[in-house]
């Protein structure tokens, strides 16, 4: 089954490649980043990405330069635990930049069962880091602790994203069959402790999804796998449930050892991708906006 899904993924990206070859920007030069499973572009720190390790690490976020690959700062997320962090995203709402971390991994399908920790999302104010040659260490408290369960079972999730226009958090499950699950929970900013039921809104034909993000214009969604990626475009006034009914556009990604992280740039129409393991390259993948997006929606 897994071989079949990999073959389908390879066929998909040979059907349509990115119009510009991927660009290698830098190599991550931090031995403490050895299992990067989530990245997010910074709004306050130009040419930098936030990233985190998978399960087993402390509740730390690393601010890494896209130009040098070096860690500029380590942010300790106070009030959070890293049971199985799988993805993160960044967004701006009402002029304020935020980071959302997804403690959503569940390979054994046991989270929330008995004494097992439930799936959680942590909301944090993004800090601005001073320009300094020395690596900085800081701590910030979480602003919301969001626990959730799926309406139809337990799933392993490796991709989260936020649509600020529709005020929703989206989650994509990693499935061994040909379809992933796309789920939605409301984006609530004023409540510290939250509990939600994630509602399945679609089941797109994307196997083994390992990353997801939504562009700042709230019109473009990127879902990544270990081999390739897919772009989904949402029209004005359309829901993501309707948008994913159309075939996703395959996007060719560079070869990676274990690619589980991707995010949009904050201003330009390209995505960054990285991989687990130490000293992995940071890549930029460009692709044009679809014709259905107006100039002022870019």
Protein backbone atom coordinates (compact mmCIF):
# COMPACT_ATOMS: atom_id res chain seq x y z
CA UNK A 1 0.00 0.00 0.00
CA UNK A 2 2.74 2.48 0.98
CA UNK A 3 4.67 1.74 -2.24
CA UNK A 4 1.51 2.38 -4.25
CA UNK A 5 0.94 5.73 -2.52
CA UNK A 6 4.53 6.78 -3.09
CA UNK A 7 4.19 5.84 -6.77
CA UNK A 8 1.03 7.95 -7.03
CA UNK A 9 2.84 10.89 -5.45
CA UNK A 10 5.77 10.58 -7.85
CA UNK A 11 3.37 10.42 -10.81
CA UNK A 12 1.59 13.53 -9.57
CA UNK A 13 4.64 15.74 -9.47
CA UNK A 14 5.91 14.56 -12.82
CA UNK A 15 2.62 15.78 -14.30
CA UNK A 16 3.31 19.38 -13.24
CA UNK A 17 6.53 20.85 -11.89
CA UNK A 18 7.18 24.21 -10.29
CA UNK A 19 8.00 26.75 -13.06
CA UNK A 20 11.19 27.83 -11.25
CA UNK A 21 13.74 25.37 -9.91
CA UNK A 22 13.89 25.20 -6.09
CA UNK A 23 16.59 27.40 -4.57
CA UNK A 24 18.79 26.21 -1.72
CA UNK A 25 19.10 29.13 0.70
CA UNK A 26 21.17 27.82 3.60
CA UNK A 27 21.84 24.77 5.77
CA UNK A 28 20.55 24.68 9.34
CA UNK A 29 23.62 24.93 11.56
CA UNK A 30 22.35 23.95 14.98
CA UNK A 31 22.94 20.49 16.45
CA UNK A 32 19.94 21.00 18.74
CA UNK A 33 17.67 21.05 15.68
CA UNK A 34 17.79 17.39 14.72
CA UNK A 35 14.15 16.54 14.01
CA UNK A 36 12.53 19.63 12.53
CA UNK A 37 8.86 18.88 11.97
CA UNK A 38 7.40 22.38 11.74
CA UNK A 39 8.41 25.80 10.39
CA UNK A 40 6.73 29.20 10.14
CA UNK A 41 7.87 32.44 8.54
CA UNK A 42 8.45 35.30 10.97
CA UNK A 43 6.50 38.54 10.63
CA UNK A 44 8.72 40.54 12.99
CA UNK A 45 12.15 39.15 12.15
CA UNK A 46 12.94 39.52 8.42
CA UNK A 47 14.48 36.59 6.54
CA UNK A 48 13.94 34.22 9.44
CA UNK A 49 11.89 31.12 10.14
CA UNK A 50 10.62 29.78 13.43
CA UNK A 51 11.02 26.01 13.76
CA UNK A 52 10.70 23.24 16.31
CA UNK A 53 11.70 19.64 16.86
CA UNK A 54 9.40 16.65 16.96
CA UNK A 55 8.49 14.71 20.12
CA UNK A 56 10.95 14.38 22.97
CA UNK A 57 12.37 17.90 22.89
CA UNK A 58 11.66 20.70 25.32
CA UNK A 59 8.96 23.27 24.53
CA UNK A 60 11.38 25.35 22.46
CA UNK A 61 11.07 27.34 19.25
CA UNK A 62 14.18 28.24 17.26
CA UNK A 63 14.49 31.41 15.19
CA UNK A 64 16.74 30.51 12.25
CA UNK A 65 18.19 32.84 9.62
CA UNK A 66 17.33 32.02 6.01
CA UNK A 67 20.58 33.67 4.96
CA UNK A 68 23.05 31.86 7.24
CA UNK A 69 21.15 28.89 8.67
CA UNK A 70 22.23 29.91 12.17
CA UNK A 71 19.93 30.11 15.17
CA UNK A 72 19.38 33.70 16.25
CA UNK A 73 17.21 32.93 19.26
CA UNK A 74 15.69 30.10 21.29
CA UNK A 75 12.21 30.79 22.62
CA UNK A 76 11.01 28.78 25.60
CA UNK A 77 7.22 28.44 25.44
CA UNK A 78 6.12 28.75 29.06
CA UNK A 79 3.07 26.67 29.97
CA UNK A 80 3.46 24.25 27.05
CA UNK A 81 4.63 20.64 26.84
CA UNK A 82 6.12 18.90 23.82
CA UNK A 83 4.37 15.57 23.74
CA UNK A 84 4.51 15.33 19.95
CA UNK A 85 4.85 18.69 18.22
CA UNK A 86 4.25 18.19 14.51
CA UNK A 87 3.70 21.62 12.97
CA UNK A 88 3.39 25.34 13.58
CA UNK A 89 2.18 28.39 11.68
CA UNK A 90 2.32 32.17 11.92
CA UNK A 91 -0.37 34.76 11.20
CA UNK A 92 -1.39 38.35 11.84
CA UNK A 93 -4.76 39.25 13.31
CA UNK A 94 -5.83 42.81 14.14
CA UNK A 95 -2.30 43.98 13.46
CA UNK A 96 -0.67 41.56 15.94
CA UNK A 97 1.62 38.69 14.89
CA UNK A 98 0.98 35.27 16.41
CA UNK A 99 2.52 31.81 16.46
CA UNK A 100 0.44 28.65 16.75
CA UNK A 101 2.14 25.37 17.71
CA UNK A 102 0.46 22.02 17.09
CA UNK A 103 1.02 19.24 19.64
CA UNK A 104 -1.03 16.99 17.41
CA UNK A 105 1.04 13.90 16.57
CA UNK A 106 -0.66 10.59 17.33
CA UNK A 107 0.98 7.65 15.57
CA UNK A 108 -0.56 5.18 18.02
CA UNK A 109 -4.06 6.74 17.77
CA UNK A 110 -4.37 6.96 21.56
CA UNK A 111 -4.40 10.66 22.41
CA UNK A 112 -7.31 11.63 24.60
CA UNK A 113 -7.99 7.99 25.47
CA UNK A 114 -7.84 7.22 29.19
CA UNK A 115 -4.91 9.07 30.76
CA UNK A 116 -3.24 9.86 27.43
CA UNK A 117 -2.69 13.55 26.72
CA UNK A 118 -5.27 15.08 24.36
CA UNK A 119 -4.26 16.88 21.19
CA UNK A 120 -3.38 20.51 21.90
CA UNK A 121 -2.62 23.79 20.16
CA UNK A 122 -0.63 26.56 21.82
CA UNK A 123 -1.05 30.22 20.88
CA UNK A 124 1.88 32.60 21.50
CA UNK A 125 2.61 36.25 20.76
CA UNK A 126 5.53 36.38 18.32
CA UNK A 127 8.48 38.22 19.89
CA UNK A 128 10.77 40.58 18.01
CA UNK A 129 14.43 39.64 18.39
CA UNK A 130 17.10 42.32 18.50
CA UNK A 131 19.85 42.16 15.91
CA UNK A 132 22.81 40.64 17.72
CA UNK A 133 25.69 38.37 16.85
CA UNK A 134 25.07 36.36 20.00
CA UNK A 135 22.31 33.79 20.19
CA UNK A 136 19.52 35.03 22.45
CA UNK A 137 17.40 33.01 24.85
CA UNK A 138 13.99 34.18 25.99
CA UNK A 139 10.70 32.95 27.39
CA UNK A 140 7.11 33.78 26.52
CA UNK A 141 3.86 32.46 28.04
CA UNK A 142 1.14 30.85 26.00
CA UNK A 143 -1.93 33.01 25.38
CA UNK A 144 -4.29 30.12 24.72
CA UNK A 145 -4.25 26.40 25.40
CA UNK A 146 -6.58 24.72 22.93
CA UNK A 147 -7.51 21.08 23.46
CA UNK A 148 -9.52 19.25 20.84
CA UNK A 149 -10.78 15.89 19.67
CA UNK A 150 -11.89 14.77 16.23
CA UNK A 151 -15.58 14.22 15.63
CA UNK A 152 -15.02 10.84 13.97
CA UNK A 153 -12.08 9.12 15.67
CA UNK A 154 -8.38 9.53 16.49
CA UNK A 155 -5.85 10.52 13.84
CA UNK A 156 -2.22 11.43 13.37
CA UNK A 157 -1.97 15.07 12.29
CA UNK A 158 1.19 16.70 10.94
CA UNK A 159 -0.10 19.94 9.41
CA UNK A 160 -1.90 22.97 10.85
CA UNK A 161 -2.80 26.37 9.37
CA UNK A 162 -4.88 29.46 10.17
CA UNK A 163 -7.27 31.35 7.91
CA UNK A 164 -7.71 34.76 9.56
CA UNK A 165 -10.45 35.82 7.14
CA UNK A 166 -12.65 32.84 7.98
CA UNK A 167 -11.47 32.76 11.63
CA UNK A 168 -10.67 29.06 11.56
CA UNK A 169 -7.82 26.70 12.37
CA UNK A 170 -7.34 23.91 9.84
CA UNK A 171 -5.74 20.54 10.48
CA UNK A 172 -4.73 17.88 7.96
CA UNK A 173 -4.33 14.23 8.96
CA UNK A 174 -1.63 11.89 7.73
CA UNK A 175 -3.35 8.86 6.23
CA UNK A 176 -1.97 5.69 4.65
CA UNK A 177 -4.89 5.50 2.28
CA UNK A 178 -5.27 7.81 -0.70
CA UNK A 179 -7.18 10.53 1.17
CA UNK A 180 -6.28 12.76 4.07
CA UNK A 181 -8.78 14.39 6.39
CA UNK A 182 -9.15 18.17 6.47
CA UNK A 183 -10.61 19.40 9.76
CA UNK A 184 -11.69 22.77 11.11
CA UNK A 185 -12.00 24.31 14.57
CA UNK A 186 -12.86 27.95 15.34
CA UNK A 187 -10.12 30.52 15.89
CA UNK A 188 -10.89 32.15 19.25
CA UNK A 189 -8.42 34.72 20.53
CA UNK A 190 -9.98 35.86 23.80
CA UNK A 191 -10.19 32.60 25.76
CA UNK A 192 -7.15 31.05 27.47
CA UNK A 193 -8.36 27.50 28.03
CA UNK A 194 -10.41 26.11 25.16
CA UNK A 195 -11.95 22.77 24.23
CA UNK A 196 -13.24 22.00 20.74
CA UNK A 197 -14.38 19.20 18.48
CA UNK A 198 -12.58 19.23 15.14
CA UNK A 199 -15.11 18.92 12.32
CA UNK A 200 -14.16 17.07 9.13
CA UNK A 201 -14.88 19.39 6.22
CA UNK A 202 -13.25 17.45 3.38
CA UNK A 203 -11.23 14.38 2.40
CA UNK A 204 -8.90 15.51 -0.40
CA UNK A 205 -6.93 13.04 -2.49
CA UNK A 206 -3.56 13.71 -0.84
CA UNK A 207 -1.88 10.70 0.79
CA UNK A 208 0.67 10.94 3.61
CA UNK A 209 0.31 14.68 4.26
CA UNK A 210 3.12 15.95 6.51
CA UNK A 211 2.81 19.76 6.35
CA UNK A 212 0.31 22.53 5.66
CA UNK A 213 0.11 26.31 5.56
CA UNK A 214 -2.18 29.08 4.33
CA UNK A 215 -0.79 32.17 2.60
CA UNK A 216 -1.26 35.62 4.20
CA UNK A 217 -3.89 36.44 1.54
CA UNK A 218 -6.02 33.56 2.89
CA UNK A 219 -6.54 32.35 -0.70
CA UNK A 220 -3.76 29.80 -1.08
CA UNK A 221 -3.25 26.56 0.82
CA UNK A 222 -0.15 24.39 0.56
CA UNK A 223 -0.14 20.76 1.68
CA UNK A 224 3.20 18.97 1.65
CA UNK A 225 4.21 15.33 1.68
CA UNK A 226 7.66 13.78 2.03
CA UNK A 227 7.94 13.73 -1.76
CA UNK A 228 5.95 16.58 -3.29
CA UNK A 229 3.42 19.29 -2.52
CA UNK A 230 -0.07 20.41 -3.53
CA UNK A 231 -1.59 23.85 -3.92
CA UNK A 232 -5.27 24.60 -3.37
CA UNK A 233 -6.76 27.98 -4.33
CA UNK A 234 -9.85 29.42 -2.66
CA UNK A 235 -12.07 31.94 -4.43
CA UNK A 236 -13.53 35.03 -2.79
CA UNK A 237 -16.36 33.96 -0.47
CA UNK A 238 -15.66 30.27 -0.98
CA UNK A 239 -15.07 27.80 1.86
CA UNK A 240 -12.05 25.50 2.01
CA UNK A 241 -14.47 22.58 1.97
CA UNK A 242 -15.57 23.67 -1.51
CA UNK A 243 -12.10 24.71 -2.67
CA UNK A 244 -10.57 21.28 -2.09
CA UNK A 245 -13.27 19.64 -4.21
CA UNK A 246 -11.30 20.82 -7.25
CA UNK A 247 -8.15 18.84 -8.09
CA UNK A 248 -5.15 20.21 -6.22
CA UNK A 249 -2.20 21.48 -8.26
CA UNK A 250 0.90 19.31 -7.75
CA UNK A 251 4.09 21.22 -6.92
CA UNK A 252 7.52 19.69 -7.39
CA UNK A 253 9.66 19.84 -4.25
CA UNK A 254 13.41 19.26 -3.92
CA UNK A 255 14.61 15.89 -2.60
CA UNK A 256 14.73 15.86 1.21
CA UNK A 257 15.83 13.22 3.69
CA UNK A 258 12.55 13.33 5.63
CA UNK A 259 10.53 16.34 4.59
CA UNK A 260 7.89 17.17 7.19
CA UNK A 261 7.86 20.98 7.26
CA UNK A 262 6.71 23.75 4.92
CA UNK A 263 5.43 27.31 5.17
CA UNK A 264 4.53 30.27 2.99
CA UNK A 265 6.64 33.40 2.82
CA UNK A 266 4.93 36.35 4.47
CA UNK A 267 5.00 38.59 1.38
CA UNK A 268 5.89 36.65 -1.74
CA UNK A 269 4.20 33.71 -3.39
CA UNK A 270 6.61 30.96 -2.51
CA UNK A 271 7.04 28.32 0.17
CA UNK A 272 9.98 27.23 2.28
CA UNK A 273 10.64 23.56 2.99
CA UNK A 274 13.02 21.77 5.34
CA UNK A 275 13.65 18.24 6.60
CA UNK A 276 14.19 16.31 9.79
CA UNK A 277 17.74 15.25 10.84
CA UNK A 278 20.73 17.52 11.49
CA UNK A 279 22.24 20.03 9.06
CA UNK A 280 19.40 19.94 6.56
CA UNK A 281 19.06 22.55 3.78
CA UNK A 282 16.40 25.25 3.71
CA UNK A 283 14.76 25.49 0.28
CA UNK A 284 12.63 28.10 -1.45
CA UNK A 285 10.03 26.89 -3.95
CA UNK A 286 8.34 29.52 -6.14
CA UNK A 287 5.10 29.22 -8.05
CA UNK A 288 2.78 31.75 -9.72
CA UNK A 289 -0.55 32.90 -8.37
CA UNK A 290 -3.54 31.29 -10.08
CA UNK A 291 -5.49 33.37 -12.58
CA UNK A 292 -8.59 33.49 -10.36
CA UNK A 293 -6.79 35.73 -7.83
CA UNK A 294 -7.07 39.44 -8.40
CA UNK A 295 -4.05 41.70 -8.13
CA UNK A 296 -5.22 43.19 -4.82
CA UNK A 297 -5.54 39.73 -3.28
CA UNK A 298 -1.87 38.92 -3.67
